Amino acid sequence: MSREQQDALSRTALGVFRLNGQFLAVSEKLAEPAGLTAAWWQVLGAVLPEPLPVAGIARVMGITRQSVQRIADLLVREGLAVYEPNPAHRRAKLLAPTEAGRAAIARIEPGHAELAAALVRELGGQEAFDETVRVLERLSAALEAVEGGPR
């Protein structure tokens, strides 16, 4: 590996770490009025399209199953999600949002839309934003391939 390649990797890692912190901070701000944390929002958001087992949510989010389990249990305790039977696996129940969970997510939507529009403007249009997304997804896929698959 050349010094130039190492520098690019270091700059990329530092940029992604900073971006992660920025996303977490803005997510906390957006989620707070809905009575959620950023982590609760992430887990609820993962199961909006369809119920998923905790392990499936962890895979999608790229975090540990234990972290998701802790948050899922809190969401269930707060009435924002429920565990449902999983026809594919008796012990690995599916997490699904309740109406209260869906309503909480809906309260985030206006701020989320506002932030998306502001980023589109700042990046110079939807095409530039779409390219940013593609580059980040490509980087994630490349790192996954180099590291031997999803963790």
C-alpha atoms as a PDB file:
ATOM      1  CA  MET A   1       0.000   0.000   0.000  1.00  0.00           C
ATOM      2  CA  SER A   2       1.387   3.375  -0.966  1.00  0.00           C
ATOM      3  CA  ARG A   3       1.498   6.369   1.365  1.00  0.00           C
ATOM      4  CA  GLU A   4      -1.103   8.043  -0.878  1.00  0.00           C
ATOM      5  CA  GLN A   5      -3.454   5.052  -0.468  1.00  0.00           C
ATOM      6  CA  GLN A   6      -2.935   5.032   3.295  1.00  0.00           C
ATOM      7  CA  ASP A   7      -3.644   8.760   3.507  1.00  0.00           C
ATOM      8  CA  ALA A   8      -6.832   8.330   1.461  1.00  0.00           C
ATOM      9  CA  LEU A   9      -7.970   5.504   3.748  1.00  0.00           C
ATOM     10  CA  SER A  10      -7.243   7.571   6.869  1.00  0.00           C
ATOM     11  CA  ARG A  11      -9.053  10.633   5.491  1.00  0.00           C
ATOM     12  CA  THR A  12     -12.011   8.446   4.487  1.00  0.00           C
ATOM     13  CA  ALA A  13     -12.227   6.822   7.918  1.00  0.00           C
ATOM     14  CA  LEU A  14     -11.996  10.153   9.727  1.00  0.00           C
ATOM     15  CA  GLY A  15     -14.605  11.652   7.414  1.00  0.00           C
ATOM     16  CA  VAL A  16     -16.992   8.748   7.981  1.00  0.00           C
ATOM     17  CA  PHE A  17     -16.476   8.894  11.760  1.00  0.00           C
ATOM     18  CA  ARG A  18     -17.251  12.612  11.712  1.00  0.00           C
ATOM     19  CA  LEU A  19     -20.252  12.051   9.442  1.00  0.00           C
ATOM     20  CA  ASN A  20     -21.522   9.339  11.798  1.00  0.00           C
ATOM     21  CA  GLY A  21     -21.313  11.767  14.714  1.00  0.00           C
ATOM     22  CA  GLN A  22     -23.095  14.447  12.710  1.00  0.00           C
ATOM     23  CA  PHE A  23     -25.878  12.049  11.702  1.00  0.00           C
ATOM     24  CA  LEU A  24     -26.302  10.857  15.273  1.00  0.00           C
ATOM     25  CA  ALA A  25     -26.535  14.437  16.565  1.00  0.00           C
ATOM     26  CA  VAL A  26     -29.084  15.541  13.945  1.00  0.00           C
ATOM     27  CA  SER A  27     -31.039  12.297  14.402  1.00  0.00           C
ATOM     28  CA  GLU A  28     -31.298  12.906  18.145  1.00  0.00           C
ATOM     29  CA  LYS A  29     -32.642  16.408  17.446  1.00  0.00           C
ATOM     30  CA  LEU A  30     -35.183  15.130  14.923  1.00  0.00           C
ATOM     31  CA  ALA A  31     -36.313  12.213  17.111  1.00  0.00           C
ATOM     32  CA  GLU A  32     -36.631  14.105  20.399  1.00  0.00           C
ATOM     33  CA  PRO A  33     -40.004  15.821  19.728  1.00  0.00           C
ATOM     34  CA  ALA A  34     -41.473  12.382  18.928  1.00  0.00           C
ATOM     35  CA  GLY A  35     -40.288  11.012  22.278  1.00  0.00           C
ATOM     36  CA  LEU A  36     -37.676   8.814  20.610  1.00  0.00           C
ATOM     37  CA  THR A  37     -33.911   8.578  20.611  1.00  0.00           C
ATOM     38  CA  ALA A  38     -31.908   8.185  17.418  1.00  0.00           C
ATOM     39  CA  ALA A  39     -31.357   4.506  18.268  1.00  0.00           C
ATOM     40  CA  TRP A  40     -35.071   3.899  18.849  1.00  0.00           C
ATOM     41  CA  TRP A  41     -35.835   5.641  15.561  1.00  0.00           C
ATOM     42  CA  GLN A  42     -33.310   3.466  13.721  1.00  0.00           C
ATOM     43  CA  VAL A  43     -34.756   0.224  15.032  1.00  0.00           C
ATOM     44  CA  LEU A  44     -38.385   1.282  14.493  1.00  0.00           C
ATOM     45  CA  GLY A  45     -37.487   2.500  11.008  1.00  0.00           C
ATOM     46  CA  ALA A  46     -35.956  -0.870  10.157  1.00  0.00           C
ATOM     47  CA  VAL A  47     -39.258  -2.656  10.839  1.00  0.00           C
ATOM     48  CA  LEU A  48     -41.661  -0.158   9.246  1.00  0.00           C
ATOM     49  CA  PRO A  49     -41.755  -1.982   5.882  1.00  0.00           C
ATOM     50  CA  GLU A  50     -42.109  -5.433   7.482  1.00  0.00           C
ATOM     51  CA  PRO A  51     -41.502  -7.130  10.829  1.00  0.00           C
ATOM     52  CA  LEU A  52     -37.986  -8.519  11.248  1.00  0.00           C
ATOM     53  CA  PRO A  53     -36.161 -10.663  13.791  1.00  0.00           C
ATOM     54  CA  VAL A  54     -33.644  -8.854  15.974  1.00  0.00           C
ATOM     55  CA  ALA A  55     -30.753 -10.558  14.162  1.00  0.00           C
ATOM     56  CA  GLY A  56     -32.106  -9.329  10.818  1.00  0.00           C
ATOM     57  CA  ILE A  57     -32.352  -5.758  12.106  1.00  0.00           C
ATOM     58  CA  ALA A  58     -28.767  -5.984  13.388  1.00  0.00           C
ATOM     59  CA  ARG A  59     -27.544  -7.199   9.978  1.00  0.00           C
ATOM     60  CA  VAL A  60     -29.315  -4.353   8.141  1.00  0.00           C
ATOM     61  CA  MET A  61     -27.990  -1.758  10.574  1.00  0.00           C
ATOM     62  CA  GLY A  62     -24.476  -3.203  10.863  1.00  0.00           C
ATOM     63  CA  ILE A  63     -24.532  -3.388  14.672  1.00  0.00           C
ATOM     64  CA  THR A  64     -24.595  -6.180  17.235  1.00  0.00           C
ATOM     65  CA  ARG A  65     -27.668  -8.276  17.876  1.00  0.00           C
ATOM     66  CA  GLN A  66     -27.344  -7.513  21.587  1.00  0.00           C
ATOM     67  CA  SER A  67     -27.596  -3.760  20.970  1.00  0.00           C
ATOM     68  CA  VAL A  68     -30.719  -4.200  18.873  1.00  0.00           C
ATOM     69  CA  GLN A  69     -32.216  -6.616  21.425  1.00  0.00           C
ATOM     70  CA  ARG A  70     -31.818  -4.057  24.210  1.00  0.00           C
ATOM     71  CA  ILE A  71     -33.503  -1.333  22.135  1.00  0.00           C
ATOM     72  CA  ALA A  72     -36.236  -3.695  20.880  1.00  0.00           C
ATOM     73  CA  ASP A  73     -37.088  -4.672  24.455  1.00  0.00           C
ATOM     74  CA  LEU A  74     -37.337  -0.966  25.409  1.00  0.00           C
ATOM     75  CA  LEU A  75     -39.575  -0.239  22.419  1.00  0.00           C
ATOM     76  CA  VAL A  76     -41.871  -3.114  23.396  1.00  0.00           C
ATOM     77  CA  ARG A  77     -41.937  -1.963  27.027  1.00  0.00           C
ATOM     78  CA  GLU A  78     -42.878   1.572  25.872  1.00  0.00           C
ATOM     79  CA  GLY A  79     -45.667   0.262  23.617  1.00  0.00           C
ATOM     80  CA  LEU A  80     -43.965   1.397  20.409  1.00  0.00           C
ATOM     81  CA  ALA A  81     -43.354  -2.133  19.099  1.00  0.00           C
ATOM     82  CA  VAL A  82     -44.500  -5.697  19.709  1.00  0.00           C
ATOM     83  CA  TYR A  83     -42.988  -9.131  19.288  1.00  0.00           C
ATOM     84  CA  GLU A  84     -44.904 -11.366  16.891  1.00  0.00           C
ATOM     85  CA  PRO A  85     -44.532 -15.069  16.160  1.00  0.00           C
ATOM     86  CA  ASN A  86     -42.042 -15.888  13.426  1.00  0.00           C
ATOM     87  CA  PRO A  87     -43.277 -18.679  11.137  1.00  0.00           C
ATOM     88  CA  ALA A  88     -39.687 -19.322  10.003  1.00  0.00           C
ATOM     89  CA  HIS A  89     -38.223 -19.655  13.511  1.00  0.00           C
ATOM     90  CA  ARG A  90     -40.110 -20.384  16.723  1.00  0.00           C
ATOM     91  CA  ARG A  91     -37.622 -18.744  19.083  1.00  0.00           C
ATOM     92  CA  ALA A  92     -36.585 -15.702  17.009  1.00  0.00           C
ATOM     93  CA  LYS A  93     -39.707 -13.559  17.248  1.00  0.00           C
ATOM     94  CA  LEU A  94     -40.364 -10.733  14.792  1.00  0.00           C
ATOM     95  CA  LEU A  95     -40.342  -7.106  15.925  1.00  0.00           C
ATOM     96  CA  ALA A  96     -43.161  -4.984  14.492  1.00  0.00           C
ATOM     97  CA  PRO A  97     -44.146  -1.349  15.151  1.00  0.00           C
ATOM     98  CA  THR A  98     -47.412  -0.596  16.930  1.00  0.00           C
ATOM     99  CA  GLU A  99     -49.715   2.218  15.862  1.00  0.00           C
ATOM    100  CA  ALA A 100     -48.040   4.339  18.573  1.00  0.00           C
ATOM    101  CA  GLY A 101     -44.636   3.516  17.036  1.00  0.00           C
ATOM    102  CA  ARG A 102     -45.818   4.434  13.557  1.00  0.00           C
ATOM    103  CA  ALA A 103     -47.315   7.681  14.919  1.00  0.00           C
ATOM    104  CA  ALA A 104     -44.000   8.566  16.593  1.00  0.00           C
ATOM    105  CA  ILE A 105     -42.134   8.012  13.329  1.00  0.00           C
ATOM    106  CA  ALA A 106     -44.749  10.111  11.488  1.00  0.00           C
ATOM    107  CA  ARG A 107     -44.008  13.023  13.857  1.00  0.00           C
ATOM    108  CA  ILE A 108     -40.390  12.949  12.682  1.00  0.00           C
ATOM    109  CA  GLU A 109     -41.284  13.131   8.980  1.00  0.00           C
ATOM    110  CA  PRO A 110     -41.615  16.940   8.623  1.00  0.00           C
ATOM    111  CA  GLY A 111     -38.173  17.609  10.131  1.00  0.00           C
ATOM    112  CA  HIS A 112     -36.715  14.713   8.157  1.00  0.00           C
ATOM    113  CA  ALA A 113     -38.125  16.119   4.896  1.00  0.00           C
ATOM    114  CA  GLU A 114     -36.830  19.578   5.774  1.00  0.00           C
ATOM    115  CA  LEU A 115     -33.322  18.237   6.402  1.00  0.00           C
ATOM    116  CA  ALA A 116     -33.377  16.240   3.153  1.00  0.00           C
ATOM    117  CA  ALA A 117     -34.377  19.343   1.177  1.00  0.00           C
ATOM    118  CA  ALA A 118     -31.653  21.413   2.855  1.00  0.00           C
ATOM    119  CA  LEU A 119     -29.033  18.783   1.999  1.00  0.00           C
ATOM    120  CA  VAL A 120     -30.217  18.663  -1.618  1.00  0.00           C
ATOM    121  CA  ARG A 121     -29.775  22.450  -1.825  1.00  0.00           C
ATOM    122  CA  GLU A 122     -26.378  22.378  -0.106  1.00  0.00           C
ATOM    123  CA  LEU A 123     -25.069  19.565  -2.334  1.00  0.00           C
ATOM    124  CA  GLY A 124     -26.224  21.296  -5.523  1.00  0.00           C
ATOM    125  CA  GLY A 125     -29.307  19.290  -6.458  1.00  0.00           C
ATOM    126  CA  GLN A 126     -30.907  15.858  -6.290  1.00  0.00           C
ATOM    127  CA  GLU A 127     -28.471  14.350  -8.790  1.00  0.00           C
ATOM    128  CA  ALA A 128     -25.500  15.322  -6.609  1.00  0.00           C
ATOM    129  CA  PHE A 129     -27.244  13.927  -3.527  1.00  0.00           C
ATOM    130  CA  ASP A 130     -27.984  10.660  -5.368  1.00  0.00           C
ATOM    131  CA  GLU A 131     -24.321  10.415  -6.397  1.00  0.00           C
ATOM    132  CA  THR A 132     -23.254  10.955  -2.768  1.00  0.00           C
ATOM    133  CA  VAL A 133     -25.500   8.074  -1.725  1.00  0.00           C
ATOM    134  CA  ARG A 134     -24.104   5.834  -4.485  1.00  0.00           C
ATOM    135  CA  VAL A 135     -20.509   6.580  -3.437  1.00  0.00           C
ATOM    136  CA  LEU A 136     -21.230   5.796   0.215  1.00  0.00           C
ATOM    137  CA  GLU A 137     -23.046   2.567  -0.703  1.00  0.00           C
ATOM    138  CA  ARG A 138     -20.161   1.592  -3.001  1.00  0.00           C
ATOM    139  CA  LEU A 139     -17.624   2.267  -0.238  1.00  0.00           C
ATOM    140  CA  SER A 140     -19.639   0.141   2.202  1.00  0.00           C
ATOM    141  CA  ALA A 141     -19.907  -2.721  -0.292  1.00  0.00           C
ATOM    142  CA  ALA A 142     -16.177  -2.521  -1.070  1.00  0.00           C
ATOM    143  CA  LEU A 143     -15.233  -2.626   2.598  1.00  0.00           C
ATOM    144  CA  GLU A 144     -17.580  -5.563   3.119  1.00  0.00           C
ATOM    145  CA  ALA A 145     -15.968  -7.407   0.185  1.00  0.00           C
ATOM    146  CA  VAL A 146     -12.438  -6.718   1.443  1.00  0.00           C
ATOM    147  CA  GLU A 147     -13.348  -7.825   4.973  1.00  0.00           C
ATOM    148  CA  GLY A 148     -15.023 -11.021   3.747  1.00  0.00           C
ATOM    149  CA  GLY A 149     -18.727 -10.280   3.997  1.00  0.00           C
ATOM    150  CA  PRO A 150     -21.170  -8.692   6.385  1.00  0.00           C
ATOM    151  CA  ARG A 151     -20.418  -8.775  10.093  1.00  0.00           C
END
